[in-house]
Amino acid sequence: MFVLRNPADLGVHYTELFGRLCLAHADATQRLQYLACRLSMGVMENSLRQSILRRDQAFYAADCVELEDRLAVLFDAGAEGCVTILRSYIEDFTNAHIRCLEAAFETRAEALPQRLIPFVPQRALPLPGPAGVRTGTRR
């Protein structure tokens, strides 16, 4: 039997989905930017060391191989970091969709929507002005 539901309850699942997707996207973006900043600092440090070593030819030949290995490690770590961040983003993205579908089709009891704003009964608004001072009354 079809049960009528409040339309506001139907929208909670999609609001939760979009909120989770926005958070996952913001997390992945922030982590990728942090990784890019760290990698650019490492590459800049490497190029500065190479330019400093070029002035002294005795150390340049010995340290050039070490600096190239260090740069290769930076690029490998950057690629691995990107893969890890994107894999985490894909998992968050998929979990958000699964949770939304479970809540929309009510396949789990705990997937029922929770009210984001509790019901507050209407009451009269207080009069403007300082508390306890009546306006418009004569003594």
N, C-alpha and C. Protein backbone atom coordinates (compact mmCIF):
# COMPACT_ATOMS: atom_id res chain seq x y z
N MET A 1 0.84 -1.17 0.00
CA MET A 1 0.00 0.00 0.00
C MET A 1 0.89 1.24 0.00
N PHE A 2 0.53 2.22 -0.78
CA PHE A 2 1.31 3.44 -0.90
C PHE A 2 1.02 4.36 0.27
N VAL A 3 2.05 4.80 0.91
CA VAL A 3 1.91 5.68 2.06
C VAL A 3 2.34 7.08 1.64
N LEU A 4 1.47 8.06 1.88
CA LEU A 4 1.81 9.44 1.56
C LEU A 4 2.81 9.96 2.59
N ARG A 5 3.80 10.63 2.08
CA ARG A 5 4.83 11.17 2.96
C ARG A 5 4.93 12.67 2.76
N ASN A 6 5.48 13.30 3.73
CA ASN A 6 5.69 14.73 3.64
C ASN A 6 6.74 15.02 2.56
N PRO A 7 6.47 15.93 1.64
CA PRO A 7 7.46 16.22 0.59
C PRO A 7 8.79 16.73 1.13
N ALA A 8 8.76 17.37 2.27
CA ALA A 8 10.02 17.84 2.86
C ALA A 8 10.92 16.68 3.25
N ASP A 9 10.31 15.56 3.69
CA ASP A 9 11.11 14.39 4.04
C ASP A 9 11.76 13.76 2.82
N LEU A 10 11.12 13.87 1.67
CA LEU A 10 11.70 13.31 0.44
C LEU A 10 12.94 14.08 0.01
N GLY A 11 12.97 15.35 0.27
CA GLY A 11 14.10 16.17 -0.14
C GLY A 11 15.31 16.06 0.77
N VAL A 12 15.11 15.53 1.97
CA VAL A 12 16.22 15.44 2.93
C VAL A 12 17.31 14.51 2.39
N HIS A 13 16.92 13.43 1.72
CA HIS A 13 17.91 12.48 1.21
C HIS A 13 18.82 13.14 0.17
N TYR A 14 18.20 13.92 -0.71
CA TYR A 14 18.99 14.56 -1.76
C TYR A 14 19.82 15.71 -1.22
N THR A 15 19.30 16.38 -0.21
CA THR A 15 20.09 17.43 0.43
C THR A 15 21.31 16.83 1.11
N GLU A 16 21.10 15.70 1.78
CA GLU A 16 22.22 15.01 2.41
C GLU A 16 23.23 14.54 1.36
N LEU A 17 22.72 14.04 0.22
CA LEU A 17 23.60 13.60 -0.86
C LEU A 17 24.46 14.76 -1.37
N PHE A 18 23.83 15.88 -1.67
CA PHE A 18 24.59 17.01 -2.19
C PHE A 18 25.56 17.57 -1.16
N GLY A 19 25.17 17.54 0.10
CA GLY A 19 26.09 17.98 1.16
C GLY A 19 27.31 17.07 1.26
N ARG A 20 27.08 15.76 1.20
CA ARG A 20 28.21 14.82 1.26
C ARG A 20 29.10 14.94 0.03
N LEU A 21 28.48 15.14 -1.14
CA LEU A 21 29.28 15.30 -2.36
C LEU A 21 30.12 16.57 -2.30
N CYS A 22 29.53 17.65 -1.79
CA CYS A 22 30.29 18.91 -1.67
C CYS A 22 31.45 18.76 -0.69
N LEU A 23 31.20 18.07 0.43
CA LEU A 23 32.28 17.85 1.40
C LEU A 23 33.38 16.97 0.84
N ALA A 24 33.01 15.92 0.10
CA ALA A 24 34.02 15.05 -0.50
C ALA A 24 34.84 15.80 -1.53
N HIS A 25 34.17 16.63 -2.32
CA HIS A 25 34.87 17.41 -3.33
C HIS A 25 35.81 18.43 -2.68
N ALA A 26 35.35 19.10 -1.64
CA ALA A 26 36.19 20.08 -0.95
C ALA A 26 37.39 19.40 -0.31
N ASP A 27 37.18 18.21 0.27
CA ASP A 27 38.28 17.47 0.90
C ASP A 27 39.32 17.07 -0.14
N ALA A 28 38.86 16.52 -1.27
CA ALA A 28 39.80 16.10 -2.32
C ALA A 28 40.54 17.30 -2.89
N THR A 29 39.85 18.40 -3.10
CA THR A 29 40.49 19.60 -3.64
C THR A 29 41.56 20.13 -2.69
N GLN A 30 41.22 20.19 -1.41
CA GLN A 30 42.18 20.70 -0.43
C GLN A 30 43.40 19.78 -0.33
N ARG A 31 43.18 18.48 -0.32
CA ARG A 31 44.30 17.55 -0.22
C ARG A 31 45.18 17.60 -1.47
N LEU A 32 44.57 17.73 -2.65
CA LEU A 32 45.36 17.83 -3.88
C LEU A 32 46.16 19.13 -3.93
N GLN A 33 45.56 20.22 -3.47
CA GLN A 33 46.30 21.49 -3.43
C GLN A 33 47.46 21.42 -2.45
N TYR A 34 47.25 20.80 -1.30
CA TYR A 34 48.33 20.65 -0.34
C TYR A 34 49.47 19.80 -0.91
N LEU A 35 49.08 18.72 -1.59
CA LEU A 35 50.09 17.86 -2.21
C LEU A 35 50.85 18.61 -3.30
N ALA A 36 50.15 19.39 -4.10
CA ALA A 36 50.81 20.17 -5.16
C ALA A 36 51.76 21.20 -4.57
N CYS A 37 51.37 21.82 -3.48
CA CYS A 37 52.25 22.80 -2.82
C CYS A 37 53.51 22.13 -2.28
N ARG A 38 53.33 20.98 -1.64
CA ARG A 38 54.49 20.27 -1.11
C ARG A 38 55.43 19.82 -2.22
N LEU A 39 54.86 19.33 -3.33
CA LEU A 39 55.69 18.88 -4.44
C LEU A 39 56.40 20.06 -5.10
N SER A 40 55.71 21.16 -5.25
CA SER A 40 56.36 22.33 -5.87
C SER A 40 57.48 22.87 -4.98
N MET A 41 57.30 22.80 -3.67
CA MET A 41 58.38 23.23 -2.77
C MET A 41 59.58 22.29 -2.89
N GLY A 42 59.33 20.99 -3.01
CA GLY A 42 60.43 20.04 -3.18
C GLY A 42 61.16 20.23 -4.50
N VAL A 43 60.41 20.47 -5.57
CA VAL A 43 61.05 20.69 -6.88
C VAL A 43 61.84 22.00 -6.87
N MET A 44 61.28 23.03 -6.24
CA MET A 44 61.99 24.31 -6.17
C MET A 44 63.28 24.17 -5.35
N GLU A 45 63.21 23.45 -4.25
CA GLU A 45 64.41 23.23 -3.44
C GLU A 45 65.46 22.45 -4.24
N ASN A 46 65.01 21.47 -5.01
CA ASN A 46 65.93 20.69 -5.82
C ASN A 46 66.61 21.55 -6.88
N SER A 47 65.85 22.41 -7.55
CA SER A 47 66.45 23.25 -8.59
C SER A 47 67.38 24.29 -7.99
N LEU A 48 67.06 24.80 -6.80
CA LEU A 48 67.96 25.74 -6.14
C LEU A 48 69.28 25.07 -5.74
N ARG A 49 69.18 23.85 -5.25
CA ARG A 49 70.41 23.13 -4.90
C ARG A 49 71.27 22.87 -6.13
N GLN A 50 70.61 22.54 -7.24
CA GLN A 50 71.40 22.31 -8.47
C GLN A 50 72.06 23.59 -8.94
N SER A 51 71.38 24.72 -8.84
CA SER A 51 72.00 25.97 -9.28
C SER A 51 73.12 26.40 -8.35
N ILE A 52 73.01 26.09 -7.06
CA ILE A 52 74.08 26.42 -6.12
C ILE A 52 75.28 25.51 -6.36
N LEU A 53 75.02 24.23 -6.64
CA LEU A 53 76.12 23.29 -6.84
C LEU A 53 76.88 23.55 -8.14
N ARG A 54 76.26 24.19 -9.11
CA ARG A 54 76.94 24.44 -10.37
C ARG A 54 78.11 25.40 -10.22
N ARG A 55 78.09 26.20 -9.19
CA ARG A 55 79.20 27.12 -8.96
C ARG A 55 80.44 26.39 -8.48
N ASP A 56 80.23 25.32 -7.77
CA ASP A 56 81.36 24.54 -7.27
C ASP A 56 81.39 23.21 -8.02
N GLN A 57 82.27 23.07 -8.96
CA GLN A 57 82.32 21.89 -9.83
C GLN A 57 82.73 20.62 -9.10
N ALA A 58 83.42 20.74 -7.99
CA ALA A 58 83.87 19.56 -7.27
C ALA A 58 82.68 18.78 -6.69
N PHE A 59 81.72 19.51 -6.15
CA PHE A 59 80.56 18.85 -5.54
C PHE A 59 79.45 18.56 -6.55
N TYR A 60 79.46 19.23 -7.68
CA TYR A 60 78.37 19.10 -8.64
C TYR A 60 78.24 17.69 -9.19
N ALA A 61 79.33 17.09 -9.58
CA ALA A 61 79.28 15.75 -10.17
C ALA A 61 78.82 14.72 -9.15
N ALA A 62 79.24 14.87 -7.90
CA ALA A 62 78.89 13.89 -6.87
C ALA A 62 77.43 14.02 -6.45
N ASP A 63 76.93 15.23 -6.35
CA ASP A 63 75.59 15.44 -5.84
C ASP A 63 74.50 15.48 -6.91
N CYS A 64 74.88 15.56 -8.16
CA CYS A 64 73.90 15.63 -9.23
C CYS A 64 73.05 14.35 -9.28
N VAL A 65 73.68 13.21 -9.10
CA VAL A 65 72.95 11.94 -9.12
C VAL A 65 71.99 11.86 -7.93
N GLU A 66 72.43 12.31 -6.77
CA GLU A 66 71.58 12.29 -5.59
C GLU A 66 70.37 13.19 -5.77
N LEU A 67 70.57 14.36 -6.36
CA LEU A 67 69.45 15.28 -6.58
C LEU A 67 68.46 14.74 -7.61
N GLU A 68 68.95 14.06 -8.63
CA GLU A 68 68.04 13.48 -9.62
C GLU A 68 67.23 12.33 -9.01
N ASP A 69 67.86 11.56 -8.14
CA ASP A 69 67.13 10.49 -7.44
C ASP A 69 66.06 11.08 -6.52
N ARG A 70 66.41 12.16 -5.88
CA ARG A 70 65.47 12.83 -4.99
C ARG A 70 64.27 13.37 -5.77
N LEU A 71 64.53 13.92 -6.93
CA LEU A 71 63.45 14.42 -7.78
C LEU A 71 62.55 13.28 -8.26
N ALA A 72 63.15 12.14 -8.60
CA ALA A 72 62.35 10.98 -9.02
C ALA A 72 61.48 10.48 -7.88
N VAL A 73 62.00 10.49 -6.66
CA VAL A 73 61.21 10.07 -5.50
C VAL A 73 60.05 11.03 -5.28
N LEU A 74 60.30 12.33 -5.47
CA LEU A 74 59.23 13.32 -5.33
C LEU A 74 58.09 13.06 -6.32
N PHE A 75 58.44 12.79 -7.56
CA PHE A 75 57.41 12.55 -8.57
C PHE A 75 56.66 11.24 -8.31
N ASP A 76 57.37 10.22 -7.86
CA ASP A 76 56.70 8.96 -7.52
C ASP A 76 55.74 9.15 -6.34
N ALA A 77 56.20 9.89 -5.33
CA ALA A 77 55.34 10.15 -4.17
C ALA A 77 54.14 11.00 -4.57
N GLY A 78 54.34 11.93 -5.47
CA GLY A 78 53.23 12.76 -5.94
C GLY A 78 52.20 11.95 -6.69
N ALA A 79 52.66 11.05 -7.55
CA ALA A 79 51.72 10.20 -8.29
C ALA A 79 50.96 9.28 -7.35
N GLU A 80 51.66 8.70 -6.39
CA GLU A 80 51.01 7.81 -5.42
C GLU A 80 50.02 8.59 -4.56
N GLY A 81 50.40 9.81 -4.17
CA GLY A 81 49.49 10.65 -3.38
C GLY A 81 48.23 11.00 -4.15
N CYS A 82 48.38 11.34 -5.43
CA CYS A 82 47.21 11.65 -6.26
C CYS A 82 46.28 10.44 -6.38
N VAL A 83 46.86 9.28 -6.57
CA VAL A 83 46.04 8.06 -6.69
C VAL A 83 45.29 7.81 -5.38
N THR A 84 45.96 7.98 -4.26
CA THR A 84 45.31 7.75 -2.96
C THR A 84 44.19 8.75 -2.73
N ILE A 85 44.43 10.01 -3.04
CA ILE A 85 43.41 11.05 -2.84
C ILE A 85 42.21 10.81 -3.74
N LEU A 86 42.45 10.49 -5.00
CA LEU A 86 41.34 10.25 -5.92
C LEU A 86 40.57 8.98 -5.58
N ARG A 87 41.27 7.96 -5.10
CA ARG A 87 40.59 6.74 -4.67
C ARG A 87 39.68 7.03 -3.48
N SER A 88 40.15 7.82 -2.54
CA SER A 88 39.34 8.20 -1.39
C SER A 88 38.13 9.03 -1.83
N TYR A 89 38.33 9.92 -2.80
CA TYR A 89 37.23 10.74 -3.32
C TYR A 89 36.17 9.86 -3.98
N ILE A 90 36.61 8.88 -4.76
CA ILE A 90 35.66 7.99 -5.43
C ILE A 90 34.88 7.16 -4.41
N GLU A 91 35.54 6.71 -3.34
CA GLU A 91 34.85 5.95 -2.29
C GLU A 91 33.82 6.82 -1.58
N ASP A 92 34.19 8.07 -1.24
CA ASP A 92 33.23 8.97 -0.59
C ASP A 92 32.05 9.27 -1.51
N PHE A 93 32.33 9.47 -2.79
CA PHE A 93 31.30 9.76 -3.78
C PHE A 93 30.33 8.58 -3.89
N THR A 94 30.87 7.38 -3.97
CA THR A 94 30.03 6.18 -4.09
C THR A 94 29.23 5.94 -2.82
N ASN A 95 29.85 6.09 -1.66
CA ASN A 95 29.15 5.88 -0.39
C ASN A 95 28.01 6.88 -0.21
N ALA A 96 28.21 8.12 -0.66
CA ALA A 96 27.14 9.11 -0.57
C ALA A 96 25.95 8.72 -1.43
N HIS A 97 26.21 8.22 -2.64
CA HIS A 97 25.11 7.79 -3.50
C HIS A 97 24.40 6.56 -2.93
N ILE A 98 25.15 5.61 -2.41
CA ILE A 98 24.54 4.41 -1.83
C ILE A 98 23.68 4.78 -0.64
N ARG A 99 24.18 5.65 0.21
CA ARG A 99 23.42 6.06 1.39
C ARG A 99 22.14 6.78 0.99
N CYS A 100 22.23 7.61 -0.05
CA CYS A 100 21.04 8.33 -0.51
C CYS A 100 20.00 7.36 -1.06
N LEU A 101 20.43 6.39 -1.85
CA LEU A 101 19.49 5.42 -2.41
C LEU A 101 18.87 4.54 -1.32
N GLU A 102 19.67 4.13 -0.35
CA GLU A 102 19.14 3.34 0.76
C GLU A 102 18.11 4.14 1.55
N ALA A 103 18.39 5.42 1.76
CA ALA A 103 17.44 6.25 2.51
C ALA A 103 16.19 6.53 1.69
N ALA A 104 16.35 6.74 0.38
CA ALA A 104 15.19 7.04 -0.46
C ALA A 104 14.26 5.84 -0.59
N PHE A 105 14.83 4.64 -0.70
CA PHE A 105 14.01 3.44 -0.83
C PHE A 105 13.77 2.73 0.50
N GLU A 106 14.30 3.32 1.58
CA GLU A 106 14.11 2.82 2.94
C GLU A 106 14.47 1.35 3.06
N THR A 107 15.64 1.01 2.61
CA THR A 107 16.08 -0.38 2.71
C THR A 107 16.69 -0.68 4.07
N ARG A 108 17.09 0.33 4.80
CA ARG A 108 17.63 0.14 6.15
C ARG A 108 16.84 0.99 7.12
N ALA A 109 16.65 0.50 8.32
CA ALA A 109 15.88 1.25 9.32
C ALA A 109 16.65 2.50 9.75
N GLU A 110 17.96 2.40 9.82
CA GLU A 110 18.74 3.55 10.27
C GLU A 110 18.93 4.59 9.16
N ALA A 111 18.49 4.29 7.96
CA ALA A 111 18.63 5.22 6.86
C ALA A 111 17.49 6.22 6.78
N LEU A 112 16.51 6.11 7.70
CA LEU A 112 15.41 7.06 7.68
C LEU A 112 15.93 8.47 7.92
N PRO A 113 15.35 9.44 7.26
CA PRO A 113 15.88 10.80 7.39
C PRO A 113 15.69 11.35 8.79
N GLN A 114 16.66 12.07 9.23
CA GLN A 114 16.56 12.74 10.51
C GLN A 114 16.20 14.20 10.22
N ARG A 115 15.38 14.73 11.04
CA ARG A 115 15.00 16.12 10.83
C ARG A 115 16.20 17.01 11.16
N LEU A 116 16.52 17.88 10.22
CA LEU A 116 17.64 18.77 10.43
C LEU A 116 17.26 19.94 11.33
N ILE A 117 16.01 20.40 11.20
CA ILE A 117 15.52 21.50 12.02
C ILE A 117 14.35 20.96 12.83
N PRO A 118 14.48 20.91 14.14
CA PRO A 118 13.38 20.37 14.95
C PRO A 118 12.16 21.29 14.89
N PHE A 119 11.01 20.70 15.09
CA PHE A 119 9.78 21.47 15.08
C PHE A 119 9.74 22.39 16.29
N VAL A 120 9.47 23.66 16.03
CA VAL A 120 9.37 24.64 17.11
C VAL A 120 7.95 25.21 17.05
N PRO A 121 7.17 25.05 18.12
CA PRO A 121 5.81 25.58 18.08
C PRO A 121 5.83 27.10 17.97
N GLN A 122 4.82 27.64 17.30
CA GLN A 122 4.75 29.09 17.14
C GLN A 122 4.37 29.71 18.46
N ARG A 123 4.96 30.85 18.73
CA ARG A 123 4.62 31.59 19.94
C ARG A 123 4.67 33.07 19.61
N ALA A 124 4.12 33.83 20.45
CA ALA A 124 4.07 35.27 20.20
C ALA A 124 5.47 35.85 20.32
N LEU A 125 5.78 36.77 19.42
CA LEU A 125 7.07 37.44 19.47
C LEU A 125 7.09 38.46 20.60
N PRO A 126 8.21 38.64 21.27
CA PRO A 126 8.26 39.64 22.35
C PRO A 126 8.14 41.05 21.77
N LEU A 127 7.67 41.93 22.59
CA LEU A 127 7.55 43.33 22.16
C LEU A 127 8.93 43.93 21.99
N PRO A 128 9.10 44.84 21.02
CA PRO A 128 10.40 45.47 20.85
C PRO A 128 10.72 46.40 22.01
N GLY A 129 11.98 46.60 22.26
CA GLY A 129 12.42 47.47 23.33
C GLY A 129 13.08 46.67 24.43
N PRO A 130 13.55 47.36 25.45
CA PRO A 130 14.21 46.66 26.56
C PRO A 130 13.24 45.72 27.27
N ALA A 131 13.77 44.66 27.79
CA ALA A 131 12.94 43.66 28.48
C ALA A 131 12.35 44.26 29.73
N GLY A 132 11.09 43.99 29.98
CA GLY A 132 10.43 44.43 31.21
C GLY A 132 9.89 45.84 31.14
N VAL A 133 10.08 46.55 30.06
CA VAL A 133 9.59 47.92 29.93
C VAL A 133 8.40 47.88 29.00
N ARG A 134 7.29 48.38 29.51
CA ARG A 134 6.09 48.41 28.68
C ARG A 134 6.05 49.74 27.93
N THR A 135 5.64 49.63 26.69
CA THR A 135 5.50 50.85 25.90
C THR A 135 4.04 51.10 25.64
N GLY A 136 3.68 52.36 25.63
CA GLY A 136 2.31 52.73 25.31
C GLY A 136 1.35 52.59 26.47
N THR A 137 1.80 52.43 27.68
CA THR A 137 0.89 52.35 28.82
C THR A 137 1.01 53.64 29.63
N ARG A 138 -0.11 54.04 30.23
CA ARG A 138 -0.12 55.23 31.07
C ARG A 138 -0.21 54.83 32.52
N ARG A 139 0.38 55.67 33.36
CA ARG A 139 0.32 55.38 34.79
C ARG A 139 -0.75 56.17 35.45
